[in-house]
Each structure stands twice: as structure tokens, then as C-alpha cells.
């Protein structure tokens, strides 16, 4: 079956959704045809204020005819779902639409968007949700939609980028790492409030002095709330909390190697929540335990007491207690990290996930 993926986010575009579709396309089963239309070169969205996605109608229509497309995977319910739904009224193909999290929240914020989304969902052959939380929310907001919904979590590459010893030595020297008995916490993500860095900073203030003495907390990434987060650091923690800025791929894996615990207690803020949290699995792939917030799709990525600890992301005491528990028990840290690595390789392998979706759209699996 000739299948087409249409999306406004695709590598080299940055972000979790772009990486999701890139992983899916790169791992599509051999022998099956999946072509991709993205907006990286302005192929789908026209500049200007008036009806900017008008270009997609012509482009997708021409691709359907040229490649004899029988199935379309719609990366964004709005606006691309509208385009594909209209085209499906006049051409012979089926389509599935994806939901990751915020796109579902945004689809309900205005009446006309909710109506459009409902029409797109009704005509869709399948609905693909990036996590179980989104699937439950979908059925809540659009009754009956869950009956044709399936969950396809984000996947990971099993290959860890090899980190040169020179890089590790440079970082250890620059940041004077690993004092005796010290603990390194590491966060990587876009610097926005929902990632929970502010709550970690608050939790650190109340840790026992003997634990705090050797602890260091490194925060990697950039974002609109960076200065707000830095301003939260109390004077007594100025030398304990270090913002690293954006990292290279090698530096990311270096810090996942150097850290003892990956921590990102993500929370839901007005419908803005973590769709999954692929970085939890990357930390596990590096053999590290994680601390995650109970919100959005994180519970698909993290199983409490198996590959990490799930905390109340609004409660600094819950976060602090998780840090204390893991800090005091290296055996538990190692166990959670190794169990997480095995699970990541077994359950979140892109070729396996892509093959499963391919079978579903061909009707082999119900």
C-alpha cells in the first residue's frame, strides 16, 4: 500500500514531534512504501495571513495522483486534517490522524476548531495517540473516538552516541565534578515552567544538609523561562545549581553518563503537558534512574519503582523525598537504571513500533 505522511514538523525541524515522525519514517518496514510531505521548504503552508494552508490542497492532491496514494497519515489535525478530510470527499483514500497532547488541548479552545476536529475524527479511519493519557482524553472530549484509536508511543534509537573520554574529562574538570559522596542531578529540556525545574529548585532548599553538601544540579536547555528559573535560585544554592545552555548531541550523552539521577517532574499547566518525555528513555538507555512528574503521557515512559520514581509534580516534598530515597540507595539507582535500559530497548524500538503501525493501517491488526 502506498502511504503518505503529511506533517508541518519533520527533521531537520527541531522538537519532539518532528523527531517522532522522523523516527517513524526512517523505520518504516522495507517493502512498504511511505513517502513524506513536510513544510520544511514551504511545500504545505503559504506565507501571508489569508488562508495560509491553501497551498496544501494543491500539493497533497497532486501527490495523491502522482504516487497513487491509498492511505494518508496526518501529522497535525489542524490545519492539515481539514485539508485531507476535504480531499477524501473527492478521492479514494483513507486517512489516520495523530494526537500528541497539546494539539488535542488546542483543538478544543475555540468553537470552530472543536467542530472541525470532530468532523475530521469522524471521517478518519484510525486515530493514533502518542500516549495512553491522550487516548483517554480523546474519548472524553470526543465520545466514541477511542473505539478507533491506537497508541503508538515515541520510539528511540538503540544506539548511544559514543562519548569521547576527552569530552568527559573536559566536563569533569570544568565543573569540578564528583566530590566524595556527592550526587549529580541532571535535567534536559526546553526551559518552560511545566518541565518542573522550579519545583526541583524549591525541593533542594529543604534537603538534609549532609545530602546537599556534595550535591550538584545541572540544567541543560534553553527557553522563554530561563531567566525566571535562574532568579529562583537562593543565595545558598548558587554554587549548587548550574545552567548549561543548549548541548551538542555528544554533550547530552556525556551528561547522561556523568549524572546519577535524571530528574524532570513535568506537570500540566492549563492543558500544556508532557506528551511523553523521550528524554526519560534516553536517560534509561544510559543506565540512569529517572524522577518524573505524574502528568500527561509521562506514565507511559516511566513505571513507578521500575525504571524510575513518579512524584506529585506540584509538591516539593514529594520531589525531595524521591531525591533522598535514590541518593541513599545506589543499589536501587542501578536497578532502576538497568531495568529501564532493558525496557527501552524492548518496548520502544522504532522498527517494532513502525511495523506495528504499518500492520494496523493495512488491516492486519484490529
Protein backbone atom coordinates (compact mmCIF):
# COMPACT_ATOMS: atom_id res chain seq x y z
CA UNK A 1 0.00 0.00 0.00
CA UNK A 2 1.34 3.44 -0.92
CA UNK A 3 1.18 5.57 2.23
CA UNK A 4 1.83 9.30 2.59
CA UNK A 5 2.80 11.14 5.79
CA UNK A 6 1.94 14.86 5.77
CA UNK A 7 3.31 16.99 8.59
CA UNK A 8 4.38 20.54 9.34
CA UNK A 9 7.12 19.22 11.68
CA UNK A 10 9.83 16.93 10.37
CA UNK A 11 13.64 16.80 10.73
CA UNK A 12 15.74 18.86 10.49
CA UNK A 13 12.96 20.83 12.19
CA UNK A 14 13.66 20.58 15.94
CA UNK A 15 11.36 19.16 18.58
CA UNK A 16 9.78 16.01 19.92
CA UNK A 17 7.01 15.82 17.32
CA UNK A 18 9.46 16.24 14.44
CA UNK A 19 11.65 13.52 15.94
CA UNK A 20 8.60 11.27 16.29
CA UNK A 21 7.77 11.48 12.60
CA UNK A 22 11.41 11.24 11.61
CA UNK A 23 11.80 8.04 13.61
CA UNK A 24 8.60 6.62 12.17
CA UNK A 25 9.61 7.37 8.57
CA UNK A 26 13.18 6.13 8.98
CA UNK A 27 12.00 2.83 10.47
CA UNK A 28 9.10 2.09 8.13
CA UNK A 29 9.18 -1.58 7.12
CA UNK A 30 11.14 -2.42 3.99
CA UNK A 31 8.83 -3.49 1.20
CA UNK A 32 6.21 -0.94 2.26
CA UNK A 33 6.13 2.50 0.67
CA UNK A 34 5.95 5.58 2.90
CA UNK A 35 6.60 8.97 1.38
CA UNK A 36 6.75 12.22 3.34
CA UNK A 37 5.47 15.71 2.65
CA UNK A 38 6.69 18.28 5.17
CA UNK A 39 6.71 22.03 5.32
CA UNK A 40 10.47 22.37 5.59
CA UNK A 41 10.58 24.09 2.19
CA UNK A 42 7.21 25.80 2.42
CA UNK A 43 5.52 23.00 0.50
CA UNK A 44 2.35 22.99 2.59
CA UNK A 45 1.90 26.38 4.23
CA UNK A 46 1.85 29.58 2.18
CA UNK A 47 3.09 32.86 3.70
CA UNK A 48 0.58 35.56 4.48
CA UNK A 49 -2.43 35.94 6.73
CA UNK A 50 -5.18 34.80 4.41
CA UNK A 51 -5.79 31.05 4.45
CA UNK A 52 -2.06 30.15 4.79
CA UNK A 53 -2.62 26.41 4.34
CA UNK A 54 -4.32 26.81 0.94
CA UNK A 55 -1.10 25.61 -0.69
CA UNK A 56 -1.52 22.19 0.95
CA UNK A 57 -4.69 21.42 -1.03
CA UNK A 58 -2.95 21.52 -4.38
CA UNK A 59 0.30 19.94 -3.19
CA UNK A 60 -1.34 16.97 -1.44
CA UNK A 61 -3.83 16.44 -4.26
CA UNK A 62 -1.02 16.27 -6.81
CA UNK A 63 1.00 13.87 -4.65
CA UNK A 64 -2.00 11.54 -4.23
CA UNK A 65 -2.38 11.31 -8.00
CA UNK A 66 1.33 11.04 -8.77
CA UNK A 67 2.15 8.33 -6.22
CA UNK A 68 -1.24 6.56 -6.25
CA UNK A 69 -1.63 7.13 -2.51
CA UNK A 70 -4.16 4.90 -0.76
CA UNK A 71 -3.55 5.96 2.84
CA UNK A 72 -2.53 9.26 4.45
CA UNK A 73 -1.05 9.76 7.91
CA UNK A 74 -1.99 13.26 9.06
CA UNK A 75 0.61 14.72 11.40
CA UNK A 76 -1.41 17.73 12.59
CA UNK A 77 -5.18 17.57 12.97
CA UNK A 78 -5.32 21.32 12.36
CA UNK A 79 -4.83 22.55 9.76
CA UNK A 80 -3.72 19.51 7.73
CA UNK A 81 -6.59 17.33 8.91
CA UNK A 82 -9.05 19.80 7.38
CA UNK A 83 -7.25 19.64 4.04
CA UNK A 84 -7.08 15.85 3.98
CA UNK A 85 -10.70 15.43 5.08
CA UNK A 86 -11.94 17.67 2.25
CA UNK A 87 -9.80 15.85 -0.31
CA UNK A 88 -11.09 12.48 0.95
CA UNK A 89 -14.61 13.50 -0.12
CA UNK A 90 -13.49 13.51 -3.76
CA UNK A 91 -10.67 10.96 -3.92
CA UNK A 92 -10.38 7.31 -2.96
CA UNK A 93 -8.07 7.04 0.06
CA UNK A 94 -8.30 6.56 3.82
CA UNK A 95 -6.53 8.53 6.49
CA UNK A 96 -5.39 8.39 10.11
CA UNK A 97 -4.79 11.43 12.29
CA UNK A 98 -2.24 11.77 15.10
CA UNK A 99 -2.60 13.37 18.53
CA UNK A 100 0.36 14.06 20.83
CA UNK A 101 -1.05 16.16 23.65
CA UNK A 102 -1.13 19.92 23.25
CA UNK A 103 -2.70 19.55 19.80
CA UNK A 104 -5.69 17.88 21.46
CA UNK A 105 -5.93 20.67 24.04
CA UNK A 106 -5.72 23.37 21.38
CA UNK A 107 -8.35 21.68 19.24
CA UNK A 108 -10.94 22.47 21.92
CA UNK A 109 -10.06 26.06 22.78
CA UNK A 110 -12.26 27.63 20.13
CA UNK A 111 -15.68 26.50 18.99
CA UNK A 112 -14.87 26.38 15.27
CA UNK A 113 -11.71 24.32 15.93
CA UNK A 114 -13.65 21.85 18.04
CA UNK A 115 -16.25 21.44 15.26
CA UNK A 116 -13.56 20.96 12.60
CA UNK A 117 -11.70 18.44 14.74
CA UNK A 118 -14.88 16.48 15.37
CA UNK A 119 -15.59 16.28 11.63
CA UNK A 120 -12.02 15.17 10.90
CA UNK A 121 -12.14 12.49 13.60
CA UNK A 122 -15.48 11.10 12.44
CA UNK A 123 -14.23 10.52 8.90
CA UNK A 124 -10.80 9.23 9.94
CA UNK A 125 -10.12 5.54 9.50
CA UNK A 126 -7.90 5.47 12.59
CA UNK A 127 -6.62 7.80 15.29
CA UNK A 128 -3.06 7.39 16.53
CA UNK A 129 -2.29 8.69 20.03
CA UNK A 130 1.26 9.16 21.28
CA UNK A 131 0.33 8.01 24.79
CA UNK A 132 -2.48 6.47 26.80
CA UNK A 133 -3.31 9.72 28.58
CA UNK A 134 -4.11 11.39 25.25
CA UNK A 135 -6.21 8.40 24.22
CA UNK A 136 -8.28 8.72 27.41
CA UNK A 137 -8.66 12.48 26.92
CA UNK A 138 -9.66 11.97 23.29
CA UNK A 139 -12.52 9.68 24.25
CA UNK A 140 -13.58 12.11 26.96
CA UNK A 141 -13.72 15.14 24.68
CA UNK A 142 -14.88 13.34 21.51
CA UNK A 143 -17.10 10.44 22.67
CA UNK A 144 -16.67 7.32 20.59
CA UNK A 145 -13.32 8.36 19.12
CA UNK A 146 -11.46 5.97 21.39
CA UNK A 147 -13.03 3.00 19.63
CA UNK A 148 -10.81 3.55 16.58
CA UNK A 149 -7.80 4.92 18.46
CA UNK A 150 -4.50 3.14 18.98
CA UNK A 151 -1.44 4.14 20.99
CA UNK A 152 1.94 4.36 19.27
CA UNK A 153 4.46 5.74 21.75
CA UNK A 154 7.56 7.57 20.57
CA UNK A 155 10.49 5.28 19.97
CA UNK A 156 14.23 5.54 20.44
CA UNK A 157 17.29 4.50 18.55
CA UNK A 158 19.07 1.73 20.45
CA UNK A 159 22.39 3.30 19.51
CA UNK A 160 24.01 5.55 22.13
CA UNK A 161 26.36 8.14 20.70
CA UNK A 162 29.87 7.23 21.79
CA UNK A 163 31.27 9.89 24.08
CA UNK A 164 34.98 10.55 23.80
CA UNK A 165 36.93 10.30 27.05
CA UNK A 166 38.34 13.73 26.27
CA UNK A 167 34.82 15.20 26.47
CA UNK A 168 34.12 13.56 29.82
CA UNK A 169 37.46 14.76 31.21
CA UNK A 170 36.81 18.30 29.98
CA UNK A 171 33.40 18.48 31.65
CA UNK A 172 34.66 16.94 34.90
CA UNK A 173 37.49 19.45 35.03
CA UNK A 174 35.38 22.48 34.08
CA UNK A 175 32.65 21.78 36.62
CA UNK A 176 34.79 20.14 39.33
CA UNK A 177 32.55 17.09 39.39
CA UNK A 178 32.20 14.19 41.75
CA UNK A 179 33.20 15.38 45.22
CA UNK A 180 33.36 12.48 47.67
CA UNK A 181 29.84 11.38 48.48
CA UNK A 182 28.41 13.90 46.01
CA UNK A 183 25.34 13.42 43.85
CA UNK A 184 24.69 14.81 40.38
CA UNK A 185 21.13 15.58 39.28
CA UNK A 186 20.55 16.35 35.62
CA UNK A 187 17.64 17.90 33.72
CA UNK A 188 17.46 18.29 29.94
CA UNK A 189 14.58 20.03 28.19
CA UNK A 190 13.06 23.25 26.98
CA UNK A 191 13.13 25.78 29.79
CA UNK A 192 9.43 26.29 30.43
CA UNK A 193 7.60 26.04 33.75
CA UNK A 194 5.82 22.78 33.01
CA UNK A 195 9.16 20.89 32.93
CA UNK A 196 9.37 21.34 36.72
CA UNK A 197 12.82 22.90 37.18
CA UNK A 198 11.27 25.49 39.50
CA UNK A 199 9.89 22.74 41.73
CA UNK A 200 13.26 20.95 41.85
CA UNK A 201 14.93 24.19 42.95
CA UNK A 202 12.31 24.56 45.69
CA UNK A 203 12.82 20.93 46.77
CA UNK A 204 16.60 21.33 47.04
CA UNK A 205 16.23 24.07 49.64
CA UNK A 206 14.76 21.56 52.11
CA UNK A 207 17.15 18.65 51.60
CA UNK A 208 19.19 17.48 54.61
CA UNK A 209 22.47 19.44 54.88
CA UNK A 210 24.56 16.27 54.69
CA UNK A 211 22.98 15.38 51.31
CA UNK A 212 23.02 18.92 49.96
CA UNK A 213 26.68 19.37 50.87
CA UNK A 214 28.04 17.40 47.89
CA UNK A 215 25.02 17.67 45.55
CA UNK A 216 25.10 19.48 42.20
CA UNK A 217 22.13 20.11 39.93
CA UNK A 218 22.80 20.72 36.22
CA UNK A 219 20.08 22.06 33.93
CA UNK A 220 20.53 21.84 30.16
CA UNK A 221 18.41 23.54 27.51
CA UNK A 222 17.05 26.93 26.57
CA UNK A 223 13.63 28.51 26.57
CA UNK A 224 11.47 31.50 27.46
CA UNK A 225 11.54 30.89 31.22
CA UNK A 226 15.31 30.63 31.60
CA UNK A 227 15.78 33.96 33.41
CA UNK A 228 12.73 33.32 35.60
CA UNK A 229 14.19 29.97 36.69
CA UNK A 230 17.63 31.41 37.38
CA UNK A 231 16.06 34.11 39.54
CA UNK A 232 14.53 31.42 41.78
CA UNK A 233 17.91 30.13 42.95
CA UNK A 234 18.51 31.21 46.57
CA UNK A 235 21.91 32.56 47.53
CA UNK A 236 22.86 29.44 49.46
CA UNK A 237 22.35 27.28 46.32
CA UNK A 238 24.16 29.49 43.80
CA UNK A 239 27.09 27.08 43.57
CA UNK A 240 24.83 24.01 43.53
CA UNK A 241 22.62 24.78 40.52
CA UNK A 242 24.27 25.31 37.14
CA UNK A 243 22.53 26.15 33.86
CA UNK A 244 24.44 24.65 30.93
CA UNK A 245 22.59 26.15 27.96
CA UNK A 246 21.97 24.09 24.85
CA UNK A 247 24.09 20.97 24.39
CA UNK A 248 25.51 19.14 21.42
CA UNK A 249 24.41 15.54 20.95
CA UNK A 250 27.72 14.30 22.36
CA UNK A 251 27.43 16.62 25.36
CA UNK A 252 23.92 15.33 26.03
CA UNK A 253 25.13 11.76 26.25
CA UNK A 254 28.15 12.86 28.26
CA UNK A 255 25.91 14.41 30.92
CA UNK A 256 23.65 11.35 30.94
CA UNK A 257 26.85 9.41 31.63
CA UNK A 258 28.09 11.75 34.36
CA UNK A 259 24.80 12.23 36.15
CA UNK A 260 23.48 9.96 38.88
CA UNK A 261 19.77 10.76 38.51
CA UNK A 262 17.80 12.29 35.66
CA UNK A 263 15.03 14.49 37.07
CA UNK A 264 12.17 16.23 35.24
CA UNK A 265 8.97 16.42 37.34
CA UNK A 266 6.84 17.72 34.46
CA UNK A 267 3.34 18.98 35.24
CA UNK A 268 0.15 20.06 33.49
CA UNK A 269 -0.32 23.83 33.21
CA UNK A 270 -3.63 24.80 31.59
CA UNK A 271 -3.58 21.85 29.19
CA UNK A 272 0.12 22.24 28.36
CA UNK A 273 1.66 18.93 29.43
CA UNK A 274 4.40 16.47 28.55
CA UNK A 275 3.23 14.35 25.65
CA UNK A 276 5.60 11.52 26.55
CA UNK A 277 9.11 12.53 27.54
CA UNK A 278 11.52 10.66 25.27
CA UNK A 279 14.40 12.01 27.35
CA UNK A 280 13.32 9.71 30.21
CA UNK A 281 14.00 6.75 27.96
CA UNK A 282 17.30 8.24 26.79
CA UNK A 283 18.36 8.52 30.43
CA UNK A 284 17.32 4.90 30.97
CA UNK A 285 19.23 3.90 27.84
CA UNK A 286 22.27 5.36 29.57
CA UNK A 287 21.53 3.20 32.60
CA UNK A 288 20.21 6.05 34.78
CA UNK A 289 17.10 6.13 37.00
CA UNK A 290 14.63 8.97 36.47
CA UNK A 291 12.30 11.09 38.57
CA UNK A 292 9.20 12.13 36.62
CA UNK A 293 6.01 14.04 37.37
CA UNK A 294 2.62 12.36 37.23
CA UNK A 295 1.12 14.36 34.35
CA UNK A 296 0.26 13.89 30.70
CA UNK A 297 1.93 10.97 28.98
CA UNK A 298 4.88 10.54 31.35
CA UNK A 299 3.41 7.39 32.89
CA UNK A 300 3.80 5.65 29.52
CA UNK A 301 7.52 6.44 29.65
CA UNK A 302 8.12 5.82 33.36
CA UNK A 303 6.79 2.98 35.51
CA UNK A 304 6.95 3.89 39.19
CA UNK A 305 9.56 1.83 41.06
CA UNK A 306 10.59 0.03 37.88
CA UNK A 307 12.64 2.43 35.77
CA UNK A 308 12.24 5.47 37.97
CA UNK A 309 10.08 7.21 40.54
CA UNK A 310 6.83 9.05 39.80
CA UNK A 311 6.17 12.10 42.00
CA UNK A 312 3.46 14.68 42.54
CA UNK A 313 4.89 17.46 40.34
CA UNK A 314 3.15 20.17 42.36
CA UNK A 315 4.59 19.00 45.69
CA UNK A 316 8.18 19.92 46.55
CA UNK A 317 8.16 17.42 49.42
CA UNK A 318 7.26 14.58 47.05
CA UNK A 319 10.13 15.59 44.76
CA UNK A 320 12.55 15.99 47.66
CA UNK A 321 11.65 12.61 49.14
CA UNK A 322 12.33 10.92 45.79
CA UNK A 323 15.76 12.57 45.62
CA UNK A 324 16.54 11.49 49.19
CA UNK A 325 15.43 7.92 48.52
CA UNK A 326 17.57 7.49 45.42
CA UNK A 327 20.53 9.35 46.91
CA UNK A 328 20.60 6.95 49.84
CA UNK A 329 20.41 3.76 47.79
CA UNK A 330 22.91 3.26 44.97
CA UNK A 331 21.73 -0.32 44.53
CA UNK A 332 18.22 0.96 43.80
CA UNK A 333 19.58 3.56 41.39
CA UNK A 334 21.48 0.90 39.48
CA UNK A 335 18.49 -1.46 39.48
CA UNK A 336 16.06 1.13 38.14
CA UNK A 337 18.58 2.26 35.52
CA UNK A 338 19.28 -1.24 34.23
CA UNK A 339 15.61 -2.24 34.21
CA UNK A 340 14.88 0.97 32.34
CA UNK A 341 17.55 0.24 29.75
CA UNK A 342 16.18 -3.25 29.08
CA UNK A 343 12.62 -1.91 28.83
CA UNK A 344 13.63 0.92 26.48
CA UNK A 345 15.34 -1.49 24.12
CA UNK A 346 12.47 -3.99 24.22
CA UNK A 347 9.35 -1.81 24.21
CA UNK A 348 10.37 1.41 22.49
CA UNK A 349 12.34 0.26 19.49
CA UNK A 350 11.33 2.33 16.44
CA UNK A 351 11.41 -0.54 13.91
CA UNK A 352 8.99 -2.53 16.08
CA UNK A 353 6.66 0.44 16.59
CA UNK A 354 6.68 1.39 12.90
CA UNK A 355 5.99 -2.19 11.82
CA UNK A 356 3.03 -2.35 14.21
CA UNK A 357 1.51 0.83 12.80
CA UNK A 358 2.06 -0.39 9.24
CA UNK A 359 0.17 -3.60 10.01
CA UNK A 360 -2.67 -1.65 11.58
CA UNK A 361 -3.28 0.59 8.60
CA UNK A 362 -3.29 -2.45 6.34
CA UNK A 363 -6.00 -4.01 8.47
CA UNK A 364 -3.86 -6.95 9.61
CA UNK A 365 -4.31 -5.90 13.23
CA UNK A 366 -7.63 -4.59 14.56
